[in-house]
């Protein structure tokens, strides 16, 4: 099987061992981004340390993995934690990513957008921890679960960034990226939601959750203080970077004219997707650049694209960092 240079397969028995392996694998890719982090004031460092301790209470395995990650990469844990929090520290996030599902939820499409320099930080990762696998687009320096993933239980998660609100530092909070990883690992969406309801969060993403092994598909839209969960019953389905659920519309801080990219990509995907498609047709839609460099589905920020065929148990992925390879096929035999 031909794979991308940015593909890695890692197996470990404990979170710490997984973190060590991730750090050793991706440490080199982190250095330019760690060097670009702005120094924090003492008050901010103290707050982030409190958030790390608070996260350890609720998600000890993830903090253990992060500690191993820092050691394996040879970097300071505090700097790695700061990098993981970047979406929460910068409340007005850039609009990025488009997600789609069709064929009654059996065919998945996702474009991953960010800045051009982030292409070198994005990898394809299959990790197996304690016998459970997670296949994902993985950003070096995070614990994953913040792009596109599918786990052994058959849960597909597609993440879309949403506007944050200024961070309320009156209490410690769990970072958005940790919530993303938690949902990516989940086997039971409803049980995960019960846990999330009781945990203060820094901000939120839109989580499109598709069940490869059954029904009960969900769209979750999260903010710092609210969670809305909506069952997805109608396909085709599309999401971009603005709140769409009725009880979350008030969280859209930018007026439509200032979120043009998100709304144009949402409209373009909605117009192009049909109720029944082949993987090749969905790949062509993800590569559509007809609305220019900013507002097209395939735009100047697109650093990866992925199509998953849940019936065939495979995924096709292209990476901007390896343009000569275009779409490559990966088996999802762990399903």
C-alpha atoms as a PDB file:
ATOM      1  CA  UNK A   1       0.000   0.000   0.000  1.00  0.00           C
ATOM      2  CA  UNK A   2       1.328   3.433  -0.938  1.00  0.00           C
ATOM      3  CA  UNK A   3       1.083   5.876   1.967  1.00  0.00           C
ATOM      4  CA  UNK A   4       1.976   9.496   2.603  1.00  0.00           C
ATOM      5  CA  UNK A   5       5.305  10.357   4.170  1.00  0.00           C
ATOM      6  CA  UNK A   6       3.176  12.103   6.799  1.00  0.00           C
ATOM      7  CA  UNK A   7       1.449   8.817   7.738  1.00  0.00           C
ATOM      8  CA  UNK A   8       2.314   7.068  11.006  1.00  0.00           C
ATOM      9  CA  UNK A   9       1.005   3.963  12.774  1.00  0.00           C
ATOM     10  CA  UNK A  10       1.671   3.876  16.523  1.00  0.00           C
ATOM     11  CA  UNK A  11       0.696   1.229  19.094  1.00  0.00           C
ATOM     12  CA  UNK A  12       1.084   1.553  22.870  1.00  0.00           C
ATOM     13  CA  UNK A  13      -0.150  -0.077  26.057  1.00  0.00           C
ATOM     14  CA  UNK A  14      -0.444   3.038  28.250  1.00  0.00           C
ATOM     15  CA  UNK A  15      -1.222   6.727  27.668  1.00  0.00           C
ATOM     16  CA  UNK A  16       2.279   7.676  28.730  1.00  0.00           C
ATOM     17  CA  UNK A  17       3.850   5.253  26.252  1.00  0.00           C
ATOM     18  CA  UNK A  18       1.579   6.633  23.532  1.00  0.00           C
ATOM     19  CA  UNK A  19       2.606  10.180  24.413  1.00  0.00           C
ATOM     20  CA  UNK A  20       6.300   9.296  24.348  1.00  0.00           C
ATOM     21  CA  UNK A  21       5.922   7.745  20.902  1.00  0.00           C
ATOM     22  CA  UNK A  22       3.947  10.733  19.602  1.00  0.00           C
ATOM     23  CA  UNK A  23       6.515  13.164  20.947  1.00  0.00           C
ATOM     24  CA  UNK A  24       9.411  11.284  19.387  1.00  0.00           C
ATOM     25  CA  UNK A  25       7.567  11.071  16.080  1.00  0.00           C
ATOM     26  CA  UNK A  26       6.307  14.647  15.838  1.00  0.00           C
ATOM     27  CA  UNK A  27       8.766  16.603  17.981  1.00  0.00           C
ATOM     28  CA  UNK A  28      10.671  17.977  15.006  1.00  0.00           C
ATOM     29  CA  UNK A  29       7.491  19.332  13.417  1.00  0.00           C
ATOM     30  CA  UNK A  30       6.671  21.279  16.591  1.00  0.00           C
ATOM     31  CA  UNK A  31       9.746  23.440  16.840  1.00  0.00           C
ATOM     32  CA  UNK A  32       8.771  26.314  14.472  1.00  0.00           C
ATOM     33  CA  UNK A  33       5.358  26.614  16.138  1.00  0.00           C
ATOM     34  CA  UNK A  34       6.650  26.460  19.701  1.00  0.00           C
ATOM     35  CA  UNK A  35       9.171  29.142  18.849  1.00  0.00           C
ATOM     36  CA  UNK A  36       6.403  31.395  17.569  1.00  0.00           C
ATOM     37  CA  UNK A  37       4.348  31.238  20.784  1.00  0.00           C
ATOM     38  CA  UNK A  38       4.110  34.567  22.563  1.00  0.00           C
ATOM     39  CA  UNK A  39       5.369  34.686  26.172  1.00  0.00           C
ATOM     40  CA  UNK A  40       2.535  34.740  28.694  1.00  0.00           C
ATOM     41  CA  UNK A  41       2.255  37.016  31.693  1.00  0.00           C
ATOM     42  CA  UNK A  42       2.522  35.435  35.129  1.00  0.00           C
ATOM     43  CA  UNK A  43      -1.230  35.657  35.729  1.00  0.00           C
ATOM     44  CA  UNK A  44      -1.928  33.833  32.449  1.00  0.00           C
ATOM     45  CA  UNK A  45       0.664  31.147  33.222  1.00  0.00           C
ATOM     46  CA  UNK A  46      -0.904  30.581  36.635  1.00  0.00           C
ATOM     47  CA  UNK A  47      -4.347  30.251  35.089  1.00  0.00           C
ATOM     48  CA  UNK A  48      -3.173  27.764  32.466  1.00  0.00           C
ATOM     49  CA  UNK A  49      -1.466  25.727  35.194  1.00  0.00           C
ATOM     50  CA  UNK A  50      -4.758  25.661  37.124  1.00  0.00           C
ATOM     51  CA  UNK A  51      -6.545  24.492  33.966  1.00  0.00           C
ATOM     52  CA  UNK A  52      -3.987  21.706  33.527  1.00  0.00           C
ATOM     53  CA  UNK A  53      -4.605  20.510  37.096  1.00  0.00           C
ATOM     54  CA  UNK A  54      -8.366  20.751  36.547  1.00  0.00           C
ATOM     55  CA  UNK A  55      -8.125  18.766  33.306  1.00  0.00           C
ATOM     56  CA  UNK A  56      -6.114  16.094  35.114  1.00  0.00           C
ATOM     57  CA  UNK A  57      -9.042  15.608  37.520  1.00  0.00           C
ATOM     58  CA  UNK A  58     -11.492  14.937  34.684  1.00  0.00           C
ATOM     59  CA  UNK A  59      -9.240  13.389  32.032  1.00  0.00           C
ATOM     60  CA  UNK A  60      -6.158  11.948  33.764  1.00  0.00           C
ATOM     61  CA  UNK A  61      -5.210   9.685  30.848  1.00  0.00           C
ATOM     62  CA  UNK A  62      -5.013  12.646  28.465  1.00  0.00           C
ATOM     63  CA  UNK A  63      -2.725  14.607  30.774  1.00  0.00           C
ATOM     64  CA  UNK A  64      -0.574  11.519  31.214  1.00  0.00           C
ATOM     65  CA  UNK A  65      -0.352  11.226  27.429  1.00  0.00           C
ATOM     66  CA  UNK A  66       0.500  14.917  27.141  1.00  0.00           C
ATOM     67  CA  UNK A  67       3.281  14.563  29.715  1.00  0.00           C
ATOM     68  CA  UNK A  68       4.721  11.689  27.701  1.00  0.00           C
ATOM     69  CA  UNK A  69       4.342  13.764  24.525  1.00  0.00           C
ATOM     70  CA  UNK A  70       6.374  16.608  26.034  1.00  0.00           C
ATOM     71  CA  UNK A  71       9.076  14.242  27.270  1.00  0.00           C
ATOM     72  CA  UNK A  72       9.261  12.394  23.953  1.00  0.00           C
ATOM     73  CA  UNK A  73       9.523  15.663  22.019  1.00  0.00           C
ATOM     74  CA  UNK A  74      12.006  17.148  24.485  1.00  0.00           C
ATOM     75  CA  UNK A  75       9.885  20.247  25.056  1.00  0.00           C
ATOM     76  CA  UNK A  76       8.530  22.055  28.076  1.00  0.00           C
ATOM     77  CA  UNK A  77       5.122  20.765  29.201  1.00  0.00           C
ATOM     78  CA  UNK A  78       3.896  24.298  29.821  1.00  0.00           C
ATOM     79  CA  UNK A  79       4.723  25.334  26.248  1.00  0.00           C
ATOM     80  CA  UNK A  80       3.037  22.241  24.825  1.00  0.00           C
ATOM     81  CA  UNK A  81      -0.039  22.982  26.949  1.00  0.00           C
ATOM     82  CA  UNK A  82      -0.080  26.568  25.686  1.00  0.00           C
ATOM     83  CA  UNK A  83       0.066  25.327  22.089  1.00  0.00           C
ATOM     84  CA  UNK A  84      -2.828  22.960  22.732  1.00  0.00           C
ATOM     85  CA  UNK A  85      -4.888  25.923  23.989  1.00  0.00           C
ATOM     86  CA  UNK A  86      -4.305  28.150  20.966  1.00  0.00           C
ATOM     87  CA  UNK A  87      -7.925  28.022  19.747  1.00  0.00           C
ATOM     88  CA  UNK A  88      -9.151  29.052  23.196  1.00  0.00           C
ATOM     89  CA  UNK A  89      -6.685  31.871  23.743  1.00  0.00           C
ATOM     90  CA  UNK A  90      -7.584  33.309  20.317  1.00  0.00           C
ATOM     91  CA  UNK A  91     -11.365  33.604  20.643  1.00  0.00           C
ATOM     92  CA  UNK A  92     -11.892  35.053  17.155  1.00  0.00           C
ATOM     93  CA  UNK A  93     -10.673  32.006  15.304  1.00  0.00           C
ATOM     94  CA  UNK A  94     -10.054  31.971  11.583  1.00  0.00           C
ATOM     95  CA  UNK A  95     -12.853  30.316   9.634  1.00  0.00           C
ATOM     96  CA  UNK A  96     -11.669  26.868   8.723  1.00  0.00           C
ATOM     97  CA  UNK A  97     -12.926  23.474   7.547  1.00  0.00           C
ATOM     98  CA  UNK A  98     -16.005  22.117   5.765  1.00  0.00           C
ATOM     99  CA  UNK A  99     -17.746  18.843   6.631  1.00  0.00           C
ATOM    100  CA  UNK A 100     -20.230  16.742   4.654  1.00  0.00           C
ATOM    101  CA  UNK A 101     -22.078  13.435   4.844  1.00  0.00           C
ATOM    102  CA  UNK A 102     -24.271  11.779   2.233  1.00  0.00           C
ATOM    103  CA  UNK A 103     -25.496   8.332   1.092  1.00  0.00           C
ATOM    104  CA  UNK A 104     -27.608   8.177   4.290  1.00  0.00           C
ATOM    105  CA  UNK A 105     -24.470   8.867   6.312  1.00  0.00           C
ATOM    106  CA  UNK A 106     -22.328   6.162   4.729  1.00  0.00           C
ATOM    107  CA  UNK A 107     -20.079   8.530   2.737  1.00  0.00           C
ATOM    108  CA  UNK A 108     -18.127  11.261   4.546  1.00  0.00           C
ATOM    109  CA  UNK A 109     -16.243  14.270   3.161  1.00  0.00           C
ATOM    110  CA  UNK A 110     -14.082  16.808   4.995  1.00  0.00           C
ATOM    111  CA  UNK A 111     -11.716  19.609   3.978  1.00  0.00           C
ATOM    112  CA  UNK A 112      -9.227  20.666   6.626  1.00  0.00           C
ATOM    113  CA  UNK A 113      -8.353  24.361   6.384  1.00  0.00           C
ATOM    114  CA  UNK A 114      -5.739  26.352   8.249  1.00  0.00           C
ATOM    115  CA  UNK A 115      -2.735  28.527   7.431  1.00  0.00           C
ATOM    116  CA  UNK A 116      -0.302  27.347   4.762  1.00  0.00           C
ATOM    117  CA  UNK A 117       2.525  26.833   7.259  1.00  0.00           C
ATOM    118  CA  UNK A 118       0.332  24.398   9.236  1.00  0.00           C
ATOM    119  CA  UNK A 119       0.532  21.890   6.369  1.00  0.00           C
ATOM    120  CA  UNK A 120       3.842  20.619   7.724  1.00  0.00           C
ATOM    121  CA  UNK A 121       2.264  20.066  11.115  1.00  0.00           C
ATOM    122  CA  UNK A 122      -0.649  17.953   9.861  1.00  0.00           C
ATOM    123  CA  UNK A 123      -0.218  14.171   9.735  1.00  0.00           C
ATOM    124  CA  UNK A 124      -2.274  11.055   9.128  1.00  0.00           C
ATOM    125  CA  UNK A 125      -2.159   8.969  12.285  1.00  0.00           C
ATOM    126  CA  UNK A 126      -3.448   5.539  13.155  1.00  0.00           C
ATOM    127  CA  UNK A 127      -2.961   5.049  16.863  1.00  0.00           C
ATOM    128  CA  UNK A 128      -3.861   1.933  18.831  1.00  0.00           C
ATOM    129  CA  UNK A 129      -4.003   2.272  22.604  1.00  0.00           C
ATOM    130  CA  UNK A 130      -4.999  -0.687  24.765  1.00  0.00           C
ATOM    131  CA  UNK A 131      -6.363  -2.448  21.697  1.00  0.00           C
ATOM    132  CA  UNK A 132      -8.601   0.443  20.542  1.00  0.00           C
ATOM    133  CA  UNK A 133      -7.717   2.257  17.332  1.00  0.00           C
ATOM    134  CA  UNK A 134      -8.234   5.864  16.248  1.00  0.00           C
ATOM    135  CA  UNK A 135      -7.519   6.902  12.654  1.00  0.00           C
ATOM    136  CA  UNK A 136      -7.303  10.658  12.176  1.00  0.00           C
ATOM    137  CA  UNK A 137      -5.861  13.787  10.687  1.00  0.00           C
ATOM    138  CA  UNK A 138      -3.517  14.736  13.518  1.00  0.00           C
ATOM    139  CA  UNK A 139      -1.979  18.106  14.323  1.00  0.00           C
ATOM    140  CA  UNK A 140       1.440  17.687  15.897  1.00  0.00           C
ATOM    141  CA  UNK A 141       1.470  19.273  19.335  1.00  0.00           C
ATOM    142  CA  UNK A 142      -2.110  18.345  20.195  1.00  0.00           C
ATOM    143  CA  UNK A 143      -3.702  15.158  21.501  1.00  0.00           C
ATOM    144  CA  UNK A 144      -5.758  14.883  18.326  1.00  0.00           C
ATOM    145  CA  UNK A 145      -9.511  14.709  17.880  1.00  0.00           C
ATOM    146  CA  UNK A 146      -9.627  18.238  16.473  1.00  0.00           C
ATOM    147  CA  UNK A 147      -9.957  17.550  12.741  1.00  0.00           C
ATOM    148  CA  UNK A 148     -11.381  14.297  11.308  1.00  0.00           C
ATOM    149  CA  UNK A 149     -11.291  10.904  13.003  1.00  0.00           C
ATOM    150  CA  UNK A 150     -12.905   7.478  13.228  1.00  0.00           C
ATOM    151  CA  UNK A 151     -12.522   5.093  16.164  1.00  0.00           C
ATOM    152  CA  UNK A 152     -12.864   1.333  16.686  1.00  0.00           C
ATOM    153  CA  UNK A 153     -16.462   1.754  17.797  1.00  0.00           C
ATOM    154  CA  UNK A 154     -17.244   3.236  14.391  1.00  0.00           C
ATOM    155  CA  UNK A 155     -17.752   6.823  15.546  1.00  0.00           C
ATOM    156  CA  UNK A 156     -16.734   9.360  12.905  1.00  0.00           C
ATOM    157  CA  UNK A 157     -16.063  12.883  14.156  1.00  0.00           C
ATOM    158  CA  UNK A 158     -15.644  15.945  11.932  1.00  0.00           C
ATOM    159  CA  UNK A 159     -14.642  19.189  13.665  1.00  0.00           C
ATOM    160  CA  UNK A 160     -15.492  22.688  12.499  1.00  0.00           C
ATOM    161  CA  UNK A 161     -14.145  25.721  14.319  1.00  0.00           C
ATOM    162  CA  UNK A 162     -16.720  28.151  15.686  1.00  0.00           C
ATOM    163  CA  UNK A 163     -16.403  31.654  17.044  1.00  0.00           C
ATOM    164  CA  UNK A 164     -15.269  31.686  20.631  1.00  0.00           C
ATOM    165  CA  UNK A 165     -16.073  34.155  23.352  1.00  0.00           C
ATOM    166  CA  UNK A 166     -13.481  35.962  25.488  1.00  0.00           C
ATOM    167  CA  UNK A 167     -12.142  33.425  27.927  1.00  0.00           C
ATOM    168  CA  UNK A 168     -13.792  33.567  31.362  1.00  0.00           C
ATOM    169  CA  UNK A 169     -10.914  32.935  33.756  1.00  0.00           C
ATOM    170  CA  UNK A 170     -12.975  33.058  36.934  1.00  0.00           C
ATOM    171  CA  UNK A 171     -12.809  29.244  37.127  1.00  0.00           C
ATOM    172  CA  UNK A 172     -10.450  26.614  35.679  1.00  0.00           C
ATOM    173  CA  UNK A 173     -11.727  25.117  32.417  1.00  0.00           C
ATOM    174  CA  UNK A 174     -11.013  22.172  30.125  1.00  0.00           C
ATOM    175  CA  UNK A 175      -9.604  23.164  26.702  1.00  0.00           C
ATOM    176  CA  UNK A 176     -11.647  22.769  23.545  1.00  0.00           C
ATOM    177  CA  UNK A 177      -9.057  20.409  22.064  1.00  0.00           C
ATOM    178  CA  UNK A 178      -9.332  18.040  25.033  1.00  0.00           C
ATOM    179  CA  UNK A 179     -13.104  17.921  24.533  1.00  0.00           C
ATOM    180  CA  UNK A 180     -12.467  17.107  20.871  1.00  0.00           C
ATOM    181  CA  UNK A 181     -10.223  14.174  21.799  1.00  0.00           C
ATOM    182  CA  UNK A 182     -12.750  12.946  24.378  1.00  0.00           C
ATOM    183  CA  UNK A 183     -15.514  12.872  21.792  1.00  0.00           C
ATOM    184  CA  UNK A 184     -13.222  11.242  19.208  1.00  0.00           C
ATOM    185  CA  UNK A 185     -12.560   8.391  21.650  1.00  0.00           C
ATOM    186  CA  UNK A 186     -16.186   7.975  22.723  1.00  0.00           C
ATOM    187  CA  UNK A 187     -18.251   4.858  22.122  1.00  0.00           C
ATOM    188  CA  UNK A 188     -21.442   6.253  23.677  1.00  0.00           C
ATOM    189  CA  UNK A 189     -22.407   9.786  22.569  1.00  0.00           C
ATOM    190  CA  UNK A 190     -25.164  10.183  25.150  1.00  0.00           C
ATOM    191  CA  UNK A 191     -22.919   9.188  28.060  1.00  0.00           C
ATOM    192  CA  UNK A 192     -20.238  11.582  26.780  1.00  0.00           C
ATOM    193  CA  UNK A 193     -22.782  14.421  26.686  1.00  0.00           C
ATOM    194  CA  UNK A 194     -23.778  13.778  30.294  1.00  0.00           C
ATOM    195  CA  UNK A 195     -20.133  14.150  31.343  1.00  0.00           C
ATOM    196  CA  UNK A 196     -19.623  17.301  29.269  1.00  0.00           C
ATOM    197  CA  UNK A 197     -22.646  19.017  30.803  1.00  0.00           C
ATOM    198  CA  UNK A 198     -20.924  19.116  34.192  1.00  0.00           C
ATOM    199  CA  UNK A 199     -17.462  20.297  33.093  1.00  0.00           C
ATOM    200  CA  UNK A 200     -16.559  23.988  32.591  1.00  0.00           C
ATOM    201  CA  UNK A 201     -15.115  24.368  29.084  1.00  0.00           C
ATOM    202  CA  UNK A 202     -12.957  27.062  27.538  1.00  0.00           C
ATOM    203  CA  UNK A 203     -14.980  27.313  24.314  1.00  0.00           C
ATOM    204  CA  UNK A 204     -16.438  24.967  21.747  1.00  0.00           C
ATOM    205  CA  UNK A 205     -16.412  23.428  18.300  1.00  0.00           C
ATOM    206  CA  UNK A 206     -19.092  21.993  16.068  1.00  0.00           C
ATOM    207  CA  UNK A 207     -18.840  18.198  16.280  1.00  0.00           C
ATOM    208  CA  UNK A 208     -20.472  16.233  13.466  1.00  0.00           C
ATOM    209  CA  UNK A 209     -20.768  12.668  14.781  1.00  0.00           C
ATOM    210  CA  UNK A 210     -21.680   9.853  12.386  1.00  0.00           C
ATOM    211  CA  UNK A 211     -22.166   6.276  13.572  1.00  0.00           C
ATOM    212  CA  UNK A 212     -20.622   3.767  11.169  1.00  0.00           C
ATOM    213  CA  UNK A 213     -22.222   0.862  13.040  1.00  0.00           C
ATOM    214  CA  UNK A 214     -25.739   2.174  13.503  1.00  0.00           C
ATOM    215  CA  UNK A 215     -27.952   5.216  13.849  1.00  0.00           C
ATOM    216  CA  UNK A 216     -28.029   8.071  16.344  1.00  0.00           C
ATOM    217  CA  UNK A 217     -25.954  10.535  14.320  1.00  0.00           C
ATOM    218  CA  UNK A 218     -25.528  13.866  16.090  1.00  0.00           C
ATOM    219  CA  UNK A 219     -24.515  17.461  15.497  1.00  0.00           C
ATOM    220  CA  UNK A 220     -23.128  19.075  18.647  1.00  0.00           C
ATOM    221  CA  UNK A 221     -22.564  22.819  18.711  1.00  0.00           C
ATOM    222  CA  UNK A 222     -20.692  23.974  21.806  1.00  0.00           C
ATOM    223  CA  UNK A 223     -19.851  27.368  23.210  1.00  0.00           C
ATOM    224  CA  UNK A 224     -18.120  28.267  26.449  1.00  0.00           C
ATOM    225  CA  UNK A 225     -21.341  27.923  28.441  1.00  0.00           C
ATOM    226  CA  UNK A 226     -23.808  26.031  26.240  1.00  0.00           C
ATOM    227  CA  UNK A 227     -24.210  22.683  24.518  1.00  0.00           C
ATOM    228  CA  UNK A 228     -26.820  21.896  21.898  1.00  0.00           C
ATOM    229  CA  UNK A 229     -27.216  18.367  20.534  1.00  0.00           C
ATOM    230  CA  UNK A 230     -29.318  17.700  17.457  1.00  0.00           C
ATOM    231  CA  UNK A 231     -29.993  14.324  15.858  1.00  0.00           C
ATOM    232  CA  UNK A 232     -29.011  14.237  12.192  1.00  0.00           C
ATOM    233  CA  UNK A 233     -31.817  12.520  10.323  1.00  0.00           C
ATOM    234  CA  UNK A 234     -31.644  14.233   6.938  1.00  0.00           C
ATOM    235  CA  UNK A 235     -28.902  13.607   4.411  1.00  0.00           C
ATOM    236  CA  UNK A 236     -27.033  15.126   2.635  1.00  0.00           C
ATOM    237  CA  UNK A 237     -25.642  17.032   5.617  1.00  0.00           C
ATOM    238  CA  UNK A 238     -23.223  20.002   5.570  1.00  0.00           C
ATOM    239  CA  UNK A 239     -21.477  22.114   8.221  1.00  0.00           C
ATOM    240  CA  UNK A 240     -18.903  24.910   8.098  1.00  0.00           C
ATOM    241  CA  UNK A 241     -17.885  27.560  10.665  1.00  0.00           C
ATOM    242  CA  UNK A 242     -21.005  29.240  11.987  1.00  0.00           C
ATOM    243  CA  UNK A 243     -23.636  28.087  14.450  1.00  0.00           C
ATOM    244  CA  UNK A 244     -26.636  26.584  12.672  1.00  0.00           C
ATOM    245  CA  UNK A 245     -28.857  25.159  15.442  1.00  0.00           C
ATOM    246  CA  UNK A 246     -31.753  27.429  16.419  1.00  0.00           C
ATOM    247  CA  UNK A 247     -30.836  27.604  20.088  1.00  0.00           C
ATOM    248  CA  UNK A 248     -27.195  28.478  19.263  1.00  0.00           C
ATOM    249  CA  UNK A 249     -27.678  31.166  16.597  1.00  0.00           C
ATOM    250  CA  UNK A 250     -27.145  33.904  19.204  1.00  0.00           C
ATOM    251  CA  UNK A 251     -23.543  32.658  19.568  1.00  0.00           C
ATOM    252  CA  UNK A 252     -22.662  33.897  16.055  1.00  0.00           C
ATOM    253  CA  UNK A 253     -20.709  37.004  16.987  1.00  0.00           C
ATOM    254  CA  UNK A 254     -19.758  37.987  13.455  1.00  0.00           C
ATOM    255  CA  UNK A 255     -22.511  39.287  11.162  1.00  0.00           C
ATOM    256  CA  UNK A 256     -22.967  37.205   7.985  1.00  0.00           C
ATOM    257  CA  UNK A 257     -20.948  39.667   5.887  1.00  0.00           C
ATOM    258  CA  UNK A 258     -17.960  39.088   8.165  1.00  0.00           C
ATOM    259  CA  UNK A 259     -18.228  35.303   8.001  1.00  0.00           C
ATOM    260  CA  UNK A 260     -18.438  35.168   4.230  1.00  0.00           C
ATOM    261  CA  UNK A 261     -16.018  32.275   3.799  1.00  0.00           C
ATOM    262  CA  UNK A 262     -17.995  29.994   6.093  1.00  0.00           C
ATOM    263  CA  UNK A 263     -21.337  30.857   4.546  1.00  0.00           C
ATOM    264  CA  UNK A 264     -20.060  30.631   0.981  1.00  0.00           C
ATOM    265  CA  UNK A 265     -18.489  27.237   1.610  1.00  0.00           C
ATOM    266  CA  UNK A 266     -21.663  26.072   3.347  1.00  0.00           C
ATOM    267  CA  UNK A 267     -23.717  27.204   0.351  1.00  0.00           C
ATOM    268  CA  UNK A 268     -21.288  25.679  -2.147  1.00  0.00           C
ATOM    269  CA  UNK A 269     -21.261  22.325  -0.384  1.00  0.00           C
ATOM    270  CA  UNK A 270     -25.045  22.324  -0.024  1.00  0.00           C
ATOM    271  CA  UNK A 271     -25.476  23.063  -3.735  1.00  0.00           C
ATOM    272  CA  UNK A 272     -22.931  20.474  -4.865  1.00  0.00           C
ATOM    273  CA  UNK A 273     -23.709  17.508  -2.647  1.00  0.00           C
ATOM    274  CA  UNK A 274     -26.430  15.064  -3.660  1.00  0.00           C
ATOM    275  CA  UNK A 275     -28.287  12.285  -1.875  1.00  0.00           C
ATOM    276  CA  UNK A 276     -26.290   9.568  -3.616  1.00  0.00           C
ATOM    277  CA  UNK A 277     -22.659  10.007  -4.650  1.00  0.00           C
ATOM    278  CA  UNK A 278     -19.581   7.956  -5.449  1.00  0.00           C
ATOM    279  CA  UNK A 279     -16.357   8.598  -3.525  1.00  0.00           C
ATOM    280  CA  UNK A 280     -14.883  10.064  -6.721  1.00  0.00           C
ATOM    281  CA  UNK A 281     -17.744  12.548  -7.030  1.00  0.00           C
ATOM    282  CA  UNK A 282     -17.292  13.665  -3.436  1.00  0.00           C
ATOM    283  CA  UNK A 283     -13.537  14.048  -3.952  1.00  0.00           C
ATOM    284  CA  UNK A 284     -14.244  16.272  -6.962  1.00  0.00           C
ATOM    285  CA  UNK A 285     -16.616  18.408  -4.872  1.00  0.00           C
ATOM    286  CA  UNK A 286     -13.985  18.821  -2.151  1.00  0.00           C
ATOM    287  CA  UNK A 287     -11.535  20.032  -4.812  1.00  0.00           C
ATOM    288  CA  UNK A 288     -14.013  22.627  -6.172  1.00  0.00           C
ATOM    289  CA  UNK A 289     -12.341  26.047  -6.345  1.00  0.00           C
ATOM    290  CA  UNK A 290     -15.010  27.917  -8.343  1.00  0.00           C
ATOM    291  CA  UNK A 291     -15.625  30.602  -5.694  1.00  0.00           C
ATOM    292  CA  UNK A 292     -12.086  31.891  -5.598  1.00  0.00           C
ATOM    293  CA  UNK A 293      -9.150  31.547  -3.203  1.00  0.00           C
ATOM    294  CA  UNK A 294     -11.035  32.540  -0.046  1.00  0.00           C
ATOM    295  CA  UNK A 295     -14.577  31.213  -0.381  1.00  0.00           C
ATOM    296  CA  UNK A 296     -14.237  27.959  -2.322  1.00  0.00           C
ATOM    297  CA  UNK A 297     -14.487  24.542  -0.719  1.00  0.00           C
ATOM    298  CA  UNK A 298     -10.900  24.066  -1.903  1.00  0.00           C
ATOM    299  CA  UNK A 299      -9.302  27.365  -0.948  1.00  0.00           C
ATOM    300  CA  UNK A 300      -5.910  28.855  -0.153  1.00  0.00           C
ATOM    301  CA  UNK A 301      -6.185  27.566   3.448  1.00  0.00           C
ATOM    302  CA  UNK A 302      -7.031  23.962   2.524  1.00  0.00           C
ATOM    303  CA  UNK A 303      -4.207  21.734   3.747  1.00  0.00           C
ATOM    304  CA  UNK A 304      -5.955  18.348   3.530  1.00  0.00           C
ATOM    305  CA  UNK A 305      -9.067  16.623   2.274  1.00  0.00           C
ATOM    306  CA  UNK A 306     -10.587  13.283   3.199  1.00  0.00           C
ATOM    307  CA  UNK A 307     -13.377  11.007   1.995  1.00  0.00           C
ATOM    308  CA  UNK A 308     -14.527   8.001   4.027  1.00  0.00           C
ATOM    309  CA  UNK A 309     -16.604   5.168   2.585  1.00  0.00           C
ATOM    310  CA  UNK A 310     -18.023   3.427   5.648  1.00  0.00           C
ATOM    311  CA  UNK A 311     -19.443   0.516   3.650  1.00  0.00           C
ATOM    312  CA  UNK A 312     -16.094  -0.196   2.002  1.00  0.00           C
ATOM    313  CA  UNK A 313     -14.219   0.513   5.267  1.00  0.00           C
ATOM    314  CA  UNK A 314     -11.679   2.804   3.653  1.00  0.00           C
ATOM    315  CA  UNK A 315     -10.639   6.441   3.430  1.00  0.00           C
ATOM    316  CA  UNK A 316      -8.995   8.538   0.711  1.00  0.00           C
ATOM    317  CA  UNK A 317      -6.806  11.441   1.820  1.00  0.00           C
ATOM    318  CA  UNK A 318      -4.809  14.160   0.074  1.00  0.00           C
ATOM    319  CA  UNK A 319      -2.320  16.426   1.821  1.00  0.00           C
ATOM    320  CA  UNK A 320      -1.153  19.837   0.645  1.00  0.00           C
ATOM    321  CA  UNK A 321       2.284  18.952   1.991  1.00  0.00           C
ATOM    322  CA  UNK A 322       2.520  16.070  -0.520  1.00  0.00           C
ATOM    323  CA  UNK A 323       0.705  17.333  -3.641  1.00  0.00           C
ATOM    324  CA  UNK A 324       2.344  14.832  -5.964  1.00  0.00           C
ATOM    325  CA  UNK A 325       0.450  11.966  -4.269  1.00  0.00           C
ATOM    326  CA  UNK A 326      -3.055  13.435  -4.544  1.00  0.00           C
ATOM    327  CA  UNK A 327      -5.677  11.023  -3.084  1.00  0.00           C
ATOM    328  CA  UNK A 328      -4.302   7.871  -1.400  1.00  0.00           C
ATOM    329  CA  UNK A 329      -6.433   5.040  -0.032  1.00  0.00           C
ATOM    330  CA  UNK A 330      -6.245   3.784   3.572  1.00  0.00           C
ATOM    331  CA  UNK A 331      -8.017   0.728   4.911  1.00  0.00           C
ATOM    332  CA  UNK A 332     -10.129   0.979   8.077  1.00  0.00           C
ATOM    333  CA  UNK A 333      -9.886  -2.702   8.972  1.00  0.00           C
ATOM    334  CA  UNK A 334     -10.254  -2.035  12.704  1.00  0.00           C
ATOM    335  CA  UNK A 335     -13.970  -1.272  12.329  1.00  0.00           C
END
